[in-house]
Amino acid sequence: MTDPTRPQRLEAACEALPLVAILRGLRPEEAVEIAQALFDAGFRLIEIPLNSPEPFDSIAAVRKALPAEALVGAGTVTTLADVARLDEIGADLVVMPHADTAVIAAAKVAGMICIPGIATPTEAYAALNAGADALKVFPAELVGPAAVKAIRTILPAGTRLFPVGGIAPDTMGPFRSAGVAGFGLGSALYSPGDTVEAVSDKAARFVIAWQEG
């Protein structure tokens, strides 16, 4: 299900709001309502990790429900079989906890946006050489803003870094000063059992924090 517009859609999504909603533990019966609330709040990057209940059902439903401006896909993608299944259901995003170059290459052959996880310059360059569209700095709590700044200075110009892990509205500032392009937001944005109203409230706080810089 290759979509040649995905690179342009990624540019537009990052321009609109470069925050990735990581919905770990999302259930299919709530997926569309939660994702719609996030879209309405301004989110354009929606990730449903594969260690959630029936994740492929949720991803397929959300992809069908949201407009094309949203990029919808999976996190915790670790195998070639995962990539093939995501391609079958029309997913846009492959987000990884690691930098397995075979998985990155498969995602790119399928025409999906791929954001692998890295913590070192060696992993970063291997991921970029395999075709990564952006890099997930994980775990951000361990790597820290100083290391992110150092890594960013030796990467190709324009490389997007998205710290993930422990990010809250009040912890974004030092990473932004280090030059990151955006963030992946996990339990501070959505935790299993959250209501739509709770997610909307937390989403609004993140949007304000990003806009205020």
C-alpha atoms as a PDB file:
ATOM      1  CA  MET A   1       0.000   0.000   0.000  1.00  0.00           C
ATOM      2  CA  THR A   2       2.769   2.411  -0.907  1.00  0.00           C
ATOM      3  CA  ASP A   3       1.690   6.049  -0.660  1.00  0.00           C
ATOM      4  CA  PRO A   4       4.111   8.394  -2.444  1.00  0.00           C
ATOM      5  CA  THR A   5       2.731  11.368  -0.526  1.00  0.00           C
ATOM      6  CA  ARG A   6       3.913  10.120   2.881  1.00  0.00           C
ATOM      7  CA  PRO A   7       7.189  12.128   2.920  1.00  0.00           C
ATOM      8  CA  GLN A   8       5.251  15.321   2.188  1.00  0.00           C
ATOM      9  CA  ARG A   9       2.667  14.370   4.796  1.00  0.00           C
ATOM     10  CA  LEU A  10       5.460  13.895   7.344  1.00  0.00           C
ATOM     11  CA  GLU A  11       6.779  17.370   6.571  1.00  0.00           C
ATOM     12  CA  ALA A  12       3.306  18.828   7.001  1.00  0.00           C
ATOM     13  CA  ALA A  13       2.690  16.901  10.227  1.00  0.00           C
ATOM     14  CA  CYS A  14       5.954  18.099  11.746  1.00  0.00           C
ATOM     15  CA  GLU A  15       5.183  21.629  10.687  1.00  0.00           C
ATOM     16  CA  ALA A  16       1.757  21.451  12.323  1.00  0.00           C
ATOM     17  CA  LEU A  17       2.770  19.767  15.604  1.00  0.00           C
ATOM     18  CA  PRO A  18       5.878  17.553  15.868  1.00  0.00           C
ATOM     19  CA  LEU A  19       4.599  15.537  18.808  1.00  0.00           C
ATOM     20  CA  VAL A  20       4.023  11.793  18.463  1.00  0.00           C
ATOM     21  CA  ALA A  21       1.131  10.427  20.516  1.00  0.00           C
ATOM     22  CA  ILE A  22       2.222   7.023  21.858  1.00  0.00           C
ATOM     23  CA  LEU A  23      -0.940   5.156  22.847  1.00  0.00           C
ATOM     24  CA  ARG A  24       0.454   2.106  24.603  1.00  0.00           C
ATOM     25  CA  GLY A  25      -2.305  -0.123  25.978  1.00  0.00           C
ATOM     26  CA  LEU A  26      -5.019   1.372  23.762  1.00  0.00           C
ATOM     27  CA  ARG A  27      -7.924  -1.015  23.144  1.00  0.00           C
ATOM     28  CA  PRO A  28      -9.709  -1.321  19.783  1.00  0.00           C
ATOM     29  CA  GLU A  29     -13.071  -0.305  21.226  1.00  0.00           C
ATOM     30  CA  GLU A  30     -11.695   3.069  22.367  1.00  0.00           C
ATOM     31  CA  ALA A  31      -9.090   3.626  19.679  1.00  0.00           C
ATOM     32  CA  VAL A  32     -11.014   5.830  17.264  1.00  0.00           C
ATOM     33  CA  GLU A  33     -12.492   8.079  19.940  1.00  0.00           C
ATOM     34  CA  ILE A  34      -9.133   8.659  21.652  1.00  0.00           C
ATOM     35  CA  ALA A  35      -7.327   9.203  18.354  1.00  0.00           C
ATOM     36  CA  GLN A  36      -9.998  11.615  17.136  1.00  0.00           C
ATOM     37  CA  ALA A  37      -9.663  13.650  20.327  1.00  0.00           C
ATOM     38  CA  LEU A  38      -5.915  13.886  19.777  1.00  0.00           C
ATOM     39  CA  PHE A  39      -6.385  14.879  16.147  1.00  0.00           C
ATOM     40  CA  ASP A  40      -8.840  17.562  17.221  1.00  0.00           C
ATOM     41  CA  ALA A  41      -6.224  18.836  19.698  1.00  0.00           C
ATOM     42  CA  GLY A  42      -3.722  19.214  16.859  1.00  0.00           C
ATOM     43  CA  PHE A  43      -1.837  15.910  16.857  1.00  0.00           C
ATOM     44  CA  ARG A  44      -0.928  14.548  13.433  1.00  0.00           C
ATOM     45  CA  LEU A  45       1.361  11.656  14.426  1.00  0.00           C
ATOM     46  CA  ILE A  46      -0.400   8.710  16.076  1.00  0.00           C
ATOM     47  CA  GLU A  47       1.519   5.624  17.254  1.00  0.00           C
ATOM     48  CA  ILE A  48      -0.097   2.502  18.707  1.00  0.00           C
ATOM     49  CA  PRO A  49       2.592   0.168  20.094  1.00  0.00           C
ATOM     50  CA  LEU A  50       2.352  -3.460  19.109  1.00  0.00           C
ATOM     51  CA  ASN A  51       2.369  -4.597  22.736  1.00  0.00           C
ATOM     52  CA  SER A  52      -1.119  -3.112  23.096  1.00  0.00           C
ATOM     53  CA  PRO A  53      -4.277  -5.281  22.993  1.00  0.00           C
ATOM     54  CA  GLU A  54      -5.086  -6.268  19.380  1.00  0.00           C
ATOM     55  CA  PRO A  55      -2.934  -3.431  18.024  1.00  0.00           C
ATOM     56  CA  PHE A  56      -3.443  -4.113  14.334  1.00  0.00           C
ATOM     57  CA  ASP A  57      -7.209  -3.774  14.764  1.00  0.00           C
ATOM     58  CA  SER A  58      -6.751  -0.420  16.476  1.00  0.00           C
ATOM     59  CA  ILE A  59      -4.281   0.844  13.875  1.00  0.00           C
ATOM     60  CA  ALA A  60      -6.536  -0.158  10.986  1.00  0.00           C
ATOM     61  CA  ALA A  61      -9.567   1.489  12.588  1.00  0.00           C
ATOM     62  CA  VAL A  62      -7.740   4.723  13.394  1.00  0.00           C
ATOM     63  CA  ARG A  63      -6.157   4.905   9.940  1.00  0.00           C
ATOM     64  CA  LYS A  64      -9.586   4.540   8.364  1.00  0.00           C
ATOM     65  CA  ALA A  65     -11.204   7.110  10.665  1.00  0.00           C
ATOM     66  CA  LEU A  66      -8.705   9.965  10.563  1.00  0.00           C
ATOM     67  CA  PRO A  67      -8.040  12.314   7.637  1.00  0.00           C
ATOM     68  CA  ALA A  68      -4.965  11.951   5.454  1.00  0.00           C
ATOM     69  CA  GLU A  69      -3.218  14.747   7.379  1.00  0.00           C
ATOM     70  CA  ALA A  70      -2.709  12.233  10.185  1.00  0.00           C
ATOM     71  CA  LEU A  71       0.080   9.691   9.965  1.00  0.00           C
ATOM     72  CA  VAL A  72      -0.984   6.539  11.799  1.00  0.00           C
ATOM     73  CA  GLY A  73       1.076   3.498  12.606  1.00  0.00           C
ATOM     74  CA  ALA A  74       2.760   1.252  15.129  1.00  0.00           C
ATOM     75  CA  GLY A  75       5.399   1.483  17.789  1.00  0.00           C
ATOM     76  CA  THR A  76       7.519  -1.313  19.255  1.00  0.00           C
ATOM     77  CA  VAL A  77       7.958  -2.744  15.757  1.00  0.00           C
ATOM     78  CA  THR A  78      10.695  -5.387  15.965  1.00  0.00           C
ATOM     79  CA  THR A  79      10.236  -7.916  13.155  1.00  0.00           C
ATOM     80  CA  LEU A  80       9.875  -8.114   9.397  1.00  0.00           C
ATOM     81  CA  ALA A  81       6.537  -9.844   9.913  1.00  0.00           C
ATOM     82  CA  ASP A  82       5.312  -6.787  11.840  1.00  0.00           C
ATOM     83  CA  VAL A  83       6.259  -4.553   8.922  1.00  0.00           C
ATOM     84  CA  ALA A  84       4.464  -6.783   6.412  1.00  0.00           C
ATOM     85  CA  ARG A  85       1.293  -6.793   8.516  1.00  0.00           C
ATOM     86  CA  LEU A  86       1.371  -3.017   8.901  1.00  0.00           C
ATOM     87  CA  ASP A  87       1.772  -2.615   5.160  1.00  0.00           C
ATOM     88  CA  GLU A  88      -1.278  -4.821   4.600  1.00  0.00           C
ATOM     89  CA  ILE A  89      -3.504  -2.606   6.776  1.00  0.00           C
ATOM     90  CA  GLY A  90      -2.314   0.664   5.275  1.00  0.00           C
ATOM     91  CA  ALA A  91      -0.267   1.956   8.212  1.00  0.00           C
ATOM     92  CA  ASP A  92       1.899   5.017   7.593  1.00  0.00           C
ATOM     93  CA  LEU A  93       4.383   4.824  10.459  1.00  0.00           C
ATOM     94  CA  VAL A  94       6.872   2.241  11.707  1.00  0.00           C
ATOM     95  CA  VAL A  95       8.374   3.311  15.042  1.00  0.00           C
ATOM     96  CA  MET A  96      10.999   1.080  16.623  1.00  0.00           C
ATOM     97  CA  PRO A  97      12.667   0.793  20.051  1.00  0.00           C
ATOM     98  CA  HIS A  98      15.943  -0.133  18.347  1.00  0.00           C
ATOM     99  CA  ALA A  99      17.849   0.356  15.088  1.00  0.00           C
ATOM    100  CA  ASP A 100      17.591  -3.021  13.348  1.00  0.00           C
ATOM    101  CA  THR A 101      18.617  -2.088   9.811  1.00  0.00           C
ATOM    102  CA  ALA A 102      16.717  -5.006   8.243  1.00  0.00           C
ATOM    103  CA  VAL A 103      13.447  -3.781   9.765  1.00  0.00           C
ATOM    104  CA  ILE A 104      14.181  -0.187   8.695  1.00  0.00           C
ATOM    105  CA  ALA A 105      14.935  -1.285   5.138  1.00  0.00           C
ATOM    106  CA  ALA A 106      11.749  -3.368   4.972  1.00  0.00           C
ATOM    107  CA  ALA A 107       9.661  -0.429   6.146  1.00  0.00           C
ATOM    108  CA  LYS A 108      11.176   1.794   3.476  1.00  0.00           C
ATOM    109  CA  VAL A 109      10.671  -0.802   0.730  1.00  0.00           C
ATOM    110  CA  ALA A 110       7.005  -0.844   1.791  1.00  0.00           C
ATOM    111  CA  GLY A 111       6.902   2.950   1.497  1.00  0.00           C
ATOM    112  CA  MET A 112       6.276   3.669   5.178  1.00  0.00           C
ATOM    113  CA  ILE A 113       7.789   6.377   7.332  1.00  0.00           C
ATOM    114  CA  CYS A 114      10.319   4.776   9.679  1.00  0.00           C
ATOM    115  CA  ILE A 115      11.524   6.221  12.998  1.00  0.00           C
ATOM    116  CA  PRO A 116      13.937   3.803  14.706  1.00  0.00           C
ATOM    117  CA  GLY A 117      15.255   4.114  18.242  1.00  0.00           C
ATOM    118  CA  ILE A 118      18.858   5.178  18.836  1.00  0.00           C
ATOM    119  CA  ALA A 119      21.026   6.113  21.810  1.00  0.00           C
ATOM    120  CA  THR A 120      24.479   6.482  20.213  1.00  0.00           C
ATOM    121  CA  PRO A 121      26.059   8.045  17.098  1.00  0.00           C
ATOM    122  CA  THR A 122      26.853   4.566  15.747  1.00  0.00           C
ATOM    123  CA  GLU A 123      23.190   3.544  15.933  1.00  0.00           C
ATOM    124  CA  ALA A 124      22.108   6.880  14.487  1.00  0.00           C
ATOM    125  CA  TYR A 125      24.292   6.599  11.405  1.00  0.00           C
ATOM    126  CA  ALA A 126      23.375   2.950  10.832  1.00  0.00           C
ATOM    127  CA  ALA A 127      19.684   3.866  10.999  1.00  0.00           C
ATOM    128  CA  LEU A 128      20.046   6.831   8.651  1.00  0.00           C
ATOM    129  CA  ASN A 129      22.068   4.787   6.157  1.00  0.00           C
ATOM    130  CA  ALA A 130      19.294   2.163   6.174  1.00  0.00           C
ATOM    131  CA  GLY A 131      16.748   4.836   5.228  1.00  0.00           C
ATOM    132  CA  ALA A 132      15.336   6.173   8.516  1.00  0.00           C
ATOM    133  CA  ASP A 133      13.193   9.287   8.125  1.00  0.00           C
ATOM    134  CA  ALA A 134      13.834  10.529  11.668  1.00  0.00           C
ATOM    135  CA  LEU A 135      15.395   9.174  14.845  1.00  0.00           C
ATOM    136  CA  LYS A 136      13.770   8.343  18.163  1.00  0.00           C
ATOM    137  CA  VAL A 137      16.188   9.083  21.018  1.00  0.00           C
ATOM    138  CA  PHE A 138      15.371   6.376  23.529  1.00  0.00           C
ATOM    139  CA  PRO A 139      15.335   6.250  26.461  1.00  0.00           C
ATOM    140  CA  ALA A 140      15.496  10.028  26.738  1.00  0.00           C
ATOM    141  CA  GLU A 141      15.829   9.909  30.541  1.00  0.00           C
ATOM    142  CA  LEU A 142      19.077   7.973  30.150  1.00  0.00           C
ATOM    143  CA  VAL A 143      20.526   9.845  27.172  1.00  0.00           C
ATOM    144  CA  GLY A 144      19.727  13.351  28.429  1.00  0.00           C
ATOM    145  CA  PRO A 145      19.783  16.772  26.715  1.00  0.00           C
ATOM    146  CA  ALA A 146      23.573  17.176  26.814  1.00  0.00           C
ATOM    147  CA  ALA A 147      24.159  13.913  24.957  1.00  0.00           C
ATOM    148  CA  VAL A 148      21.367  14.722  22.497  1.00  0.00           C
ATOM    149  CA  LYS A 149      23.052  18.043  21.713  1.00  0.00           C
ATOM    150  CA  ALA A 150      26.392  16.325  21.176  1.00  0.00           C
ATOM    151  CA  ILE A 151      24.886  13.655  18.904  1.00  0.00           C
ATOM    152  CA  ARG A 152      22.941  16.221  16.900  1.00  0.00           C
ATOM    153  CA  THR A 153      26.070  18.183  16.051  1.00  0.00           C
ATOM    154  CA  ILE A 154      27.639  15.267  14.175  1.00  0.00           C
ATOM    155  CA  LEU A 155      24.533  14.119  12.281  1.00  0.00           C
ATOM    156  CA  PRO A 156      23.603  15.276   8.771  1.00  0.00           C
ATOM    157  CA  ALA A 157      21.907  18.664   8.662  1.00  0.00           C
ATOM    158  CA  GLY A 158      18.153  18.378   8.957  1.00  0.00           C
ATOM    159  CA  THR A 159      18.141  15.070  10.858  1.00  0.00           C
ATOM    160  CA  ARG A 160      15.059  15.026  13.063  1.00  0.00           C
ATOM    161  CA  LEU A 161      15.533  13.804  16.631  1.00  0.00           C
ATOM    162  CA  PHE A 162      12.524  12.885  18.766  1.00  0.00           C
ATOM    163  CA  PRO A 163      13.322  12.173  22.433  1.00  0.00           C
ATOM    164  CA  VAL A 164      11.020   9.531  23.933  1.00  0.00           C
ATOM    165  CA  GLY A 165      10.744   8.409  27.536  1.00  0.00           C
ATOM    166  CA  GLY A 166       9.708  10.457  30.529  1.00  0.00           C
ATOM    167  CA  ILE A 167       8.720  13.519  28.507  1.00  0.00           C
ATOM    168  CA  ALA A 168       6.264  15.865  30.215  1.00  0.00           C
ATOM    169  CA  PRO A 169       5.249  19.452  29.428  1.00  0.00           C
ATOM    170  CA  ASP A 170       7.746  20.769  31.982  1.00  0.00           C
ATOM    171  CA  THR A 171      10.690  18.606  30.825  1.00  0.00           C
ATOM    172  CA  MET A 172      10.689  19.587  27.157  1.00  0.00           C
ATOM    173  CA  GLY A 173      12.674  22.813  27.479  1.00  0.00           C
ATOM    174  CA  PRO A 174      16.234  21.440  27.876  1.00  0.00           C
ATOM    175  CA  PHE A 175      15.759  19.055  24.972  1.00  0.00           C
ATOM    176  CA  ARG A 176      14.402  21.835  22.775  1.00  0.00           C
ATOM    177  CA  SER A 177      17.465  23.910  23.647  1.00  0.00           C
ATOM    178  CA  ALA A 178      19.536  20.937  22.476  1.00  0.00           C
ATOM    179  CA  GLY A 179      17.915  21.217  19.043  1.00  0.00           C
ATOM    180  CA  VAL A 180      15.415  18.368  18.890  1.00  0.00           C
ATOM    181  CA  ALA A 181      12.693  18.421  16.241  1.00  0.00           C
ATOM    182  CA  GLY A 182       9.859  17.111  18.410  1.00  0.00           C
ATOM    183  CA  PHE A 183       8.960  14.508  21.019  1.00  0.00           C
ATOM    184  CA  GLY A 184       7.274  11.167  21.503  1.00  0.00           C
ATOM    185  CA  LEU A 185       4.761  11.317  24.339  1.00  0.00           C
ATOM    186  CA  GLY A 186       3.826   8.225  26.294  1.00  0.00           C
ATOM    187  CA  SER A 187       2.130   7.796  29.653  1.00  0.00           C
ATOM    188  CA  ALA A 188       2.088  11.533  30.372  1.00  0.00           C
ATOM    189  CA  LEU A 189      -0.318  11.836  27.441  1.00  0.00           C
ATOM    190  CA  TYR A 190      -2.229   8.538  27.558  1.00  0.00           C
ATOM    191  CA  SER A 191      -2.379   5.685  30.059  1.00  0.00           C
ATOM    192  CA  PRO A 192      -4.705   2.680  29.818  1.00  0.00           C
ATOM    193  CA  GLY A 193      -8.051   3.557  31.334  1.00  0.00           C
ATOM    194  CA  ASP A 194      -7.839   7.285  30.603  1.00  0.00           C
ATOM    195  CA  THR A 195     -11.085   8.889  29.486  1.00  0.00           C
ATOM    196  CA  VAL A 196     -11.346  10.898  26.304  1.00  0.00           C
ATOM    197  CA  GLU A 197     -11.707  14.029  28.431  1.00  0.00           C
ATOM    198  CA  ALA A 198      -8.532  13.255  30.383  1.00  0.00           C
ATOM    199  CA  VAL A 199      -6.553  12.664  27.198  1.00  0.00           C
ATOM    200  CA  SER A 200      -7.903  15.873  25.667  1.00  0.00           C
ATOM    201  CA  ASP A 201      -6.850  17.843  28.747  1.00  0.00           C
ATOM    202  CA  LYS A 202      -3.343  16.370  28.737  1.00  0.00           C
ATOM    203  CA  ALA A 203      -3.034  16.897  24.989  1.00  0.00           C
ATOM    204  CA  ALA A 204      -3.912  20.564  25.390  1.00  0.00           C
ATOM    205  CA  ARG A 205      -1.172  21.014  27.990  1.00  0.00           C
ATOM    206  CA  PHE A 206       1.408  19.478  25.679  1.00  0.00           C
ATOM    207  CA  VAL A 207       0.297  21.615  22.745  1.00  0.00           C
ATOM    208  CA  ILE A 208       0.575  24.775  24.849  1.00  0.00           C
ATOM    209  CA  ALA A 209       4.007  23.739  26.138  1.00  0.00           C
ATOM    210  CA  TRP A 210       5.238  23.167  22.584  1.00  0.00           C
ATOM    211  CA  GLN A 211       3.780  26.407  21.241  1.00  0.00           C
ATOM    212  CA  GLU A 212       5.216  28.454  24.106  1.00  0.00           C
ATOM    213  CA  GLY A 213       8.634  26.935  23.511  1.00  0.00           C
END
